[in-house]
PDB file of N, CA and C in Angstrom:
ATOM      1  N   MET A   1       0.841  -1.176   0.000  1.00  0.00           N
ATOM      2  CA  MET A   1       0.000   0.000   0.000  1.00  0.00           C
ATOM      3  C   MET A   1       0.888   1.241   0.000  1.00  0.00           C
ATOM      4  N   THR A   2       0.560   2.200  -0.833  1.00  0.00           N
ATOM      5  CA  THR A   2       1.299   3.450  -0.911  1.00  0.00           C
ATOM      6  C   THR A   2       0.488   4.547  -0.240  1.00  0.00           C
ATOM      7  N   ILE A   3       1.140   5.255   0.659  1.00  0.00           N
ATOM      8  CA  ILE A   3       0.489   6.378   1.332  1.00  0.00           C
ATOM      9  C   ILE A   3       1.122   7.652   0.803  1.00  0.00           C
ATOM     10  N   SER A   4       0.292   8.544   0.337  1.00  0.00           N
ATOM     11  CA  SER A   4       0.816   9.815  -0.159  1.00  0.00           C
ATOM     12  C   SER A   4       0.336  10.949   0.737  1.00  0.00           C
ATOM     13  N   SER A   5       1.137  11.977   0.804  1.00  0.00           N
ATOM     14  CA  SER A   5       0.789  13.143   1.614  1.00  0.00           C
ATOM     15  C   SER A   5      -0.326  13.921   0.949  1.00  0.00           C
ATOM     16  N   PRO A   6      -1.187  14.540   1.729  1.00  0.00           N
ATOM     17  CA  PRO A   6      -2.220  15.393   1.131  1.00  0.00           C
ATOM     18  C   PRO A   6      -1.579  16.630   0.527  1.00  0.00           C
ATOM     19  N   PRO A   7      -2.218  17.259  -0.457  1.00  0.00           N
ATOM     20  CA  PRO A   7      -1.649  18.474  -1.040  1.00  0.00           C
ATOM     21  C   PRO A   7      -1.534  19.571   0.024  1.00  0.00           C
ATOM     22  N   HIS A   8      -0.471  20.339  -0.073  1.00  0.00           N
ATOM     23  CA  HIS A   8      -0.260  21.416   0.873  1.00  0.00           C
ATOM     24  C   HIS A   8       0.256  22.628   0.117  1.00  0.00           C
ATOM     25  N   GLY A   9      -0.171  23.787   0.527  1.00  0.00           N
ATOM     26  CA  GLY A   9       0.331  25.008  -0.089  1.00  0.00           C
ATOM     27  C   GLY A   9      -0.796  25.835  -0.664  1.00  0.00           C
ATOM     28  N   GLY A  10      -0.440  27.019  -1.120  1.00  0.00           N
ATOM     29  CA  GLY A  10      -1.415  28.000  -1.570  1.00  0.00           C
ATOM     30  C   GLY A  10      -2.394  27.540  -2.627  1.00  0.00           C
ATOM     31  N   ARG A  11      -1.880  27.183  -3.788  1.00  0.00           N
ATOM     32  CA  ARG A  11      -2.737  26.824  -4.920  1.00  0.00           C
ATOM     33  C   ARG A  11      -3.880  27.825  -5.097  1.00  0.00           C
ATOM     34  N   LEU A  12      -3.532  29.093  -5.018  1.00  0.00           N
ATOM     35  CA  LEU A  12      -4.547  30.138  -5.085  1.00  0.00           C
ATOM     36  C   LEU A  12      -5.230  30.210  -6.441  1.00  0.00           C
ATOM     37  N   ARG A  13      -4.489  29.994  -7.499  1.00  0.00           N
ATOM     38  CA  ARG A  13      -5.124  30.048  -8.818  1.00  0.00           C
ATOM     39  C   ARG A  13      -6.203  28.973  -8.952  1.00  0.00           C
ATOM     40  N   GLU A  14      -5.914  27.790  -8.439  1.00  0.00           N
ATOM     41  CA  GLU A  14      -6.893  26.709  -8.468  1.00  0.00           C
ATOM     42  C   GLU A  14      -8.125  27.081  -7.639  1.00  0.00           C
ATOM     43  N   ALA A  15      -7.918  27.629  -6.451  1.00  0.00           N
ATOM     44  CA  ALA A  15      -9.041  28.028  -5.597  1.00  0.00           C
ATOM     45  C   ALA A  15      -9.840  29.165  -6.239  1.00  0.00           C
ATOM     46  N   ALA A  16      -9.155  30.122  -6.841  1.00  0.00           N
ATOM     47  CA  ALA A  16      -9.846  31.234  -7.487  1.00  0.00           C
ATOM     48  C   ALA A  16     -10.740  30.740  -8.616  1.00  0.00           C
ATOM     49  N   ARG A  17     -10.234  29.780  -9.386  1.00  0.00           N
ATOM     50  CA  ARG A  17     -11.066  29.208 -10.468  1.00  0.00           C
ATOM     51  C   ARG A  17     -12.238  28.425  -9.892  1.00  0.00           C
ATOM     52  N   ARG A  18     -11.962  27.589  -8.902  1.00  0.00           N
ATOM     53  CA  ARG A  18     -12.998  26.732  -8.336  1.00  0.00           C
ATOM     54  C   ARG A  18     -14.139  27.539  -7.718  1.00  0.00           C
ATOM     55  N   PHE A  19     -13.796  28.618  -7.022  1.00  0.00           N
ATOM     56  CA  PHE A  19     -14.812  29.403  -6.325  1.00  0.00           C
ATOM     57  C   PHE A  19     -15.196  30.676  -7.071  1.00  0.00           C
ATOM     58  N   ASP A  20     -14.680  30.813  -8.297  1.00  0.00           N
ATOM     59  CA  ASP A  20     -15.009  31.935  -9.172  1.00  0.00           C
ATOM     60  C   ASP A  20     -14.835  33.288  -8.473  1.00  0.00           C
ATOM     61  N   ARG A  21     -13.655  33.458  -7.862  1.00  0.00           N
ATOM     62  CA  ARG A  21     -13.316  34.713  -7.195  1.00  0.00           C
ATOM     63  C   ARG A  21     -11.973  35.180  -7.742  1.00  0.00           C
ATOM     64  N   PRO A  22     -11.806  36.470  -7.983  1.00  0.00           N
ATOM     65  CA  PRO A  22     -10.540  36.965  -8.524  1.00  0.00           C
ATOM     66  C   PRO A  22      -9.362  36.640  -7.597  1.00  0.00           C
ATOM     67  N   LEU A  23      -8.237  36.357  -8.198  1.00  0.00           N
ATOM     68  CA  LEU A  23      -7.028  36.027  -7.447  1.00  0.00           C
ATOM     69  C   LEU A  23      -6.671  37.128  -6.451  1.00  0.00           C
ATOM     70  N   ALA A  24      -6.899  38.384  -6.816  1.00  0.00           N
ATOM     71  CA  ALA A  24      -6.565  39.520  -5.943  1.00  0.00           C
ATOM     72  C   ALA A  24      -7.415  39.557  -4.672  1.00  0.00           C
ATOM     73  N   ASP A  25      -8.525  38.826  -4.646  1.00  0.00           N
ATOM     74  CA  ASP A  25      -9.403  38.815  -3.462  1.00  0.00           C
ATOM     75  C   ASP A  25      -8.966  37.802  -2.408  1.00  0.00           C
ATOM     76  N   TRP A  26      -7.922  37.042  -2.690  1.00  0.00           N
ATOM     77  CA  TRP A  26      -7.498  35.987  -1.774  1.00  0.00           C
ATOM     78  C   TRP A  26      -6.300  36.421  -0.958  1.00  0.00           C
ATOM     79  N   LEU A  27      -6.230  35.924   0.274  1.00  0.00           N
ATOM     80  CA  LEU A  27      -5.066  36.115   1.138  1.00  0.00           C
ATOM     81  C   LEU A  27      -4.523  34.731   1.446  1.00  0.00           C
ATOM     82  N   ASP A  28      -3.332  34.435   0.968  1.00  0.00           N
ATOM     83  CA  ASP A  28      -2.725  33.114   1.134  1.00  0.00           C
ATOM     84  C   ASP A  28      -2.024  33.052   2.481  1.00  0.00           C
ATOM     85  N   LEU A  29      -2.640  32.372   3.441  1.00  0.00           N
ATOM     86  CA  LEU A  29      -2.055  32.235   4.766  1.00  0.00           C
ATOM     87  C   LEU A  29      -1.186  30.993   4.884  1.00  0.00           C
ATOM     88  N   SER A  30      -1.105  30.204   3.821  1.00  0.00           N
ATOM     89  CA  SER A  30      -0.338  28.960   3.898  1.00  0.00           C
ATOM     90  C   SER A  30       1.161  29.215   4.012  1.00  0.00           C
ATOM     91  N   THR A  31       1.616  30.365   3.595  1.00  0.00           N
ATOM     92  CA  THR A  31       3.042  30.662   3.636  1.00  0.00           C
ATOM     93  C   THR A  31       3.400  31.716   4.670  1.00  0.00           C
ATOM     94  N   GLY A  32       2.406  32.340   5.245  1.00  0.00           N
ATOM     95  CA  GLY A  32       2.677  33.416   6.195  1.00  0.00           C
ATOM     96  C   GLY A  32       3.047  34.719   5.509  1.00  0.00           C
ATOM     97  N   ILE A  33       2.845  34.803   4.200  1.00  0.00           N
ATOM     98  CA  ILE A  33       3.150  36.025   3.463  1.00  0.00           C
ATOM     99  C   ILE A  33       1.908  36.909   3.475  1.00  0.00           C
ATOM    100  N   ASN A  34       2.074  38.147   3.875  1.00  0.00           N
ATOM    101  CA  ASN A  34       0.963  39.075   3.971  1.00  0.00           C
ATOM    102  C   ASN A  34       1.164  40.184   2.947  1.00  0.00           C
ATOM    103  N   PRO A  35       0.208  40.382   2.037  1.00  0.00           N
ATOM    104  CA  PRO A  35       0.372  41.449   1.050  1.00  0.00           C
ATOM    105  C   PRO A  35       0.297  42.840   1.669  1.00  0.00           C
ATOM    106  N   CYS A  36      -0.181  42.942   2.905  1.00  0.00           N
ATOM    107  CA  CYS A  36      -0.229  44.219   3.623  1.00  0.00           C
ATOM    108  C   CYS A  36       0.839  44.176   4.713  1.00  0.00           C
ATOM    109  N   SER A  37       2.067  44.126   4.309  1.00  0.00           N
ATOM    110  CA  SER A  37       3.163  43.909   5.255  1.00  0.00           C
ATOM    111  C   SER A  37       3.444  45.136   6.112  1.00  0.00           C
ATOM    112  N   TYR A  38       4.213  44.889   7.167  1.00  0.00           N
ATOM    113  CA  TYR A  38       4.650  45.953   8.052  1.00  0.00           C
ATOM    114  C   TYR A  38       5.510  46.933   7.251  1.00  0.00           C
ATOM    115  N   PRO A  39       5.321  48.238   7.443  1.00  0.00           N
ATOM    116  CA  PRO A  39       6.118  49.198   6.672  1.00  0.00           C
ATOM    117  C   PRO A  39       7.598  49.125   7.058  1.00  0.00           C
ATOM    118  N   LEU A  40       8.433  49.035   6.066  1.00  0.00           N
ATOM    119  CA  LEU A  40       9.873  48.954   6.282  1.00  0.00           C
ATOM    120  C   LEU A  40      10.555  50.188   5.715  1.00  0.00           C
ATOM    121  N   PRO A  41      11.660  50.598   6.327  1.00  0.00           N
ATOM    122  CA  PRO A  41      12.416  51.707   5.747  1.00  0.00           C
ATOM    123  C   PRO A  41      13.125  51.229   4.490  1.00  0.00           C
ATOM    124  N   PRO A  42      13.584  52.138   3.666  1.00  0.00           N
ATOM    125  CA  PRO A  42      14.351  51.728   2.489  1.00  0.00           C
ATOM    126  C   PRO A  42      15.576  50.919   2.928  1.00  0.00           C
ATOM    127  N   LEU A  43      15.863  49.849   2.209  1.00  0.00           N
ATOM    128  CA  LEU A  43      17.002  48.993   2.536  1.00  0.00           C
ATOM    129  C   LEU A  43      18.067  49.117   1.467  1.00  0.00           C
ATOM    130  N   ASP A  44      19.303  49.065   1.899  1.00  0.00           N
ATOM    131  CA  ASP A  44      20.429  49.071   0.969  1.00  0.00           C
ATOM    132  C   ASP A  44      20.345  47.810   0.107  1.00  0.00           C
ATOM    133  N   ILE A  45      20.539  47.917  -1.169  1.00  0.00           N
ATOM    134  CA  ILE A  45      20.428  46.792  -2.094  1.00  0.00           C
ATOM    135  C   ILE A  45      21.384  45.662  -1.721  1.00  0.00           C
ATOM    136  N   ASP A  46      22.484  45.975  -1.060  1.00  0.00           N
ATOM    137  CA  ASP A  46      23.458  44.943  -0.692  1.00  0.00           C
ATOM    138  C   ASP A  46      22.914  43.933   0.319  1.00  0.00           C
ATOM    139  N   VAL A  47      21.858  44.290   1.072  1.00  0.00           N
ATOM    140  CA  VAL A  47      21.324  43.321   2.036  1.00  0.00           C
ATOM    141  C   VAL A  47      20.717  42.110   1.341  1.00  0.00           C
ATOM    142  N   TRP A  48      20.368  42.223   0.072  1.00  0.00           N
ATOM    143  CA  TRP A  48      19.780  41.111  -0.679  1.00  0.00           C
ATOM    144  C   TRP A  48      20.829  40.311  -1.442  1.00  0.00           C
ATOM    145  N   ARG A  49      22.083  40.711  -1.340  1.00  0.00           N
ATOM    146  CA  ARG A  49      23.127  40.083  -2.155  1.00  0.00           C
ATOM    147  C   ARG A  49      24.007  39.092  -1.414  1.00  0.00           C
ATOM    148  N   ARG A  50      23.829  38.971  -0.105  1.00  0.00           N
ATOM    149  CA  ARG A  50      24.645  38.015   0.645  1.00  0.00           C
ATOM    150  C   ARG A  50      23.942  37.640   1.935  1.00  0.00           C
ATOM    151  N   LEU A  51      24.339  36.515   2.487  1.00  0.00           N
ATOM    152  CA  LEU A  51      23.844  36.074   3.779  1.00  0.00           C
ATOM    153  C   LEU A  51      24.705  36.684   4.876  1.00  0.00           C
ATOM    154  N   PRO A  52      24.184  36.763   6.106  1.00  0.00           N
ATOM    155  CA  PRO A  52      25.023  37.289   7.195  1.00  0.00           C
ATOM    156  C   PRO A  52      26.268  36.434   7.398  1.00  0.00           C
ATOM    157  N   ASP A  53      27.347  37.064   7.801  1.00  0.00           N
ATOM    158  CA  ASP A  53      28.586  36.362   8.130  1.00  0.00           C
ATOM    159  C   ASP A  53      28.617  36.061   9.620  1.00  0.00           C
ATOM    160  N   ASP A  54      29.408  35.058  10.008  1.00  0.00           N
ATOM    161  CA  ASP A  54      29.518  34.689  11.420  1.00  0.00           C
ATOM    162  C   ASP A  54      30.077  35.826  12.273  1.00  0.00           C
ATOM    163  N   ASP A  55      30.894  36.683  11.681  1.00  0.00           N
ATOM    164  CA  ASP A  55      31.539  37.731  12.469  1.00  0.00           C
ATOM    165  C   ASP A  55      30.918  39.114  12.266  1.00  0.00           C
ATOM    166  N   ASP A  56      29.678  39.178  11.795  1.00  0.00           N
ATOM    167  CA  ASP A  56      29.073  40.491  11.551  1.00  0.00           C
ATOM    168  C   ASP A  56      28.285  41.025  12.752  1.00  0.00           C
ATOM    169  N   GLU A  57      28.345  40.325  13.893  1.00  0.00           N
ATOM    170  CA  GLU A  57      27.712  40.736  15.133  1.00  0.00           C
ATOM    171  C   GLU A  57      26.200  40.830  15.046  1.00  0.00           C
ATOM    172  N   LEU A  58      25.587  40.096  14.120  1.00  0.00           N
ATOM    173  CA  LEU A  58      24.132  40.106  13.980  1.00  0.00           C
ATOM    174  C   LEU A  58      23.421  39.713  15.278  1.00  0.00           C
ATOM    175  N   PRO A  59      23.856  38.657  15.997  1.00  0.00           N
ATOM    176  CA  PRO A  59      23.175  38.330  17.257  1.00  0.00           C
ATOM    177  C   PRO A  59      23.231  39.464  18.288  1.00  0.00           C
ATOM    178  N   VAL A  60      24.354  40.164  18.347  1.00  0.00           N
ATOM    179  CA  VAL A  60      24.498  41.283  19.292  1.00  0.00           C
ATOM    180  C   VAL A  60      23.565  42.418  18.904  1.00  0.00           C
ATOM    181  N   ILE A  61      23.535  42.743  17.621  1.00  0.00           N
ATOM    182  CA  ILE A  61      22.671  43.820  17.133  1.00  0.00           C
ATOM    183  C   ILE A  61      21.206  43.473  17.367  1.00  0.00           C
ATOM    184  N   ALA A  62      20.820  42.220  17.075  1.00  0.00           N
ATOM    185  CA  ALA A  62      19.430  41.794  17.272  1.00  0.00           C
ATOM    186  C   ALA A  62      19.062  41.814  18.755  1.00  0.00           C
ATOM    187  N   ALA A  63      19.939  41.334  19.603  1.00  0.00           N
ATOM    188  CA  ALA A  63      19.672  41.329  21.046  1.00  0.00           C
ATOM    189  C   ALA A  63      19.472  42.751  21.566  1.00  0.00           C
ATOM    190  N   ARG A  64      20.319  43.658  21.117  1.00  0.00           N
ATOM    191  CA  ARG A  64      20.188  45.060  21.530  1.00  0.00           C
ATOM    192  C   ARG A  64      18.859  45.634  21.036  1.00  0.00           C
ATOM    193  N   TYR A  65      18.521  45.365  19.770  1.00  0.00           N
ATOM    194  CA  TYR A  65      17.289  45.891  19.188  1.00  0.00           C
ATOM    195  C   TYR A  65      16.060  45.379  19.940  1.00  0.00           C
ATOM    196  N   TYR A  66      16.051  44.087  20.266  1.00  0.00           N
ATOM    197  CA  TYR A  66      14.895  43.487  20.923  1.00  0.00           C
ATOM    198  C   TYR A  66      14.927  43.614  22.442  1.00  0.00           C
ATOM    199  N   GLY A  67      15.910  44.318  22.978  1.00  0.00           N
ATOM    200  CA  GLY A  67      15.941  44.606  24.398  1.00  0.00           C
ATOM    201  C   GLY A  67      16.346  43.451  25.290  1.00  0.00           C
ATOM    202  N   VAL A  68      17.131  42.528  24.756  1.00  0.00           N
ATOM    203  CA  VAL A  68      17.627  41.417  25.578  1.00  0.00           C
ATOM    204  C   VAL A  68      18.692  41.960  26.531  1.00  0.00           C
ATOM    205  N   PRO A  69      18.515  41.732  27.832  1.00  0.00           N
ATOM    206  CA  PRO A  69      19.518  42.235  28.773  1.00  0.00           C
ATOM    207  C   PRO A  69      20.899  41.652  28.480  1.00  0.00           C
ATOM    208  N   ALA A  70      21.919  42.457  28.669  1.00  0.00           N
ATOM    209  CA  ALA A  70      23.289  42.013  28.388  1.00  0.00           C
ATOM    210  C   ALA A  70      23.637  40.757  29.175  1.00  0.00           C
ATOM    211  N   THR A  71      23.081  40.620  30.385  1.00  0.00           N
ATOM    212  CA  THR A  71      23.377  39.440  31.206  1.00  0.00           C
ATOM    213  C   THR A  71      22.784  38.160  30.630  1.00  0.00           C
ATOM    214  N   ALA A  72      21.778  38.273  29.775  1.00  0.00           N
ATOM    215  CA  ALA A  72      21.141  37.090  29.192  1.00  0.00           C
ATOM    216  C   ALA A  72      21.698  36.743  27.821  1.00  0.00           C
ATOM    217  N   ARG A  73      22.457  37.633  27.236  1.00  0.00           N
ATOM    218  CA  ARG A  73      22.980  37.387  25.891  1.00  0.00           C
ATOM    219  C   ARG A  73      24.009  36.275  25.918  1.00  0.00           C
ATOM    220  N   GLY A  74      23.931  35.413  24.933  1.00  0.00           N
ATOM    221  CA  GLY A  74      24.910  34.338  24.813  1.00  0.00           C
ATOM    222  C   GLY A  74      24.494  33.071  25.525  1.00  0.00           C
ATOM    223  N   ARG A  75      23.438  33.097  26.329  1.00  0.00           N
ATOM    224  CA  ARG A  75      23.003  31.879  27.014  1.00  0.00           C
ATOM    225  C   ARG A  75      22.346  30.908  26.052  1.00  0.00           C
ATOM    226  N   ALA A  76      21.437  31.429  25.244  1.00  0.00           N
ATOM    227  CA  ALA A  76      20.749  30.565  24.272  1.00  0.00           C
ATOM    228  C   ALA A  76      21.511  30.627  22.963  1.00  0.00           C
ATOM    229  N   ARG A  77      21.672  29.494  22.359  1.00  0.00           N
ATOM    230  CA  ARG A  77      22.380  29.414  21.088  1.00  0.00           C
ATOM    231  C   ARG A  77      21.452  28.867  20.026  1.00  0.00           C
ATOM    232  N   ALA A  78      21.563  29.398  18.833  1.00  0.00           N
ATOM    233  CA  ALA A  78      20.850  28.836  17.696  1.00  0.00           C
ATOM    234  C   ALA A  78      21.544  27.549  17.291  1.00  0.00           C
ATOM    235  N   CYS A  79      21.092  26.951  16.256  1.00  0.00           N
ATOM    236  CA  CYS A  79      21.679  25.690  15.784  1.00  0.00           C
ATOM    237  C   CYS A  79      23.196  25.817  15.697  1.00  0.00           C
ATOM    238  N   GLY A  80      23.871  24.783  16.136  1.00  0.00           N
ATOM    239  CA  GLY A  80      25.311  24.776  16.004  1.00  0.00           C
ATOM    240  C   GLY A  80      25.956  25.137  17.268  1.00  0.00           C
TER     241      GLY A  80
END
């Protein structure tokens, strides 16, 4: 017996056709993408051209931004 996974994901075009509603009237929550996103300041184009480096102090900057007390920084580690 073969067990297959159920379909998963937006498939908005299929739903729009099936329910006869324009594609623009749908909000796809399957990906967590919101067409009415939080307003962001202009970003330097270089942020889209590379991934963060290990030595760019991103965890320190993020901790400071999110108000993590200095005494708590470094206790929790991400993968690795």
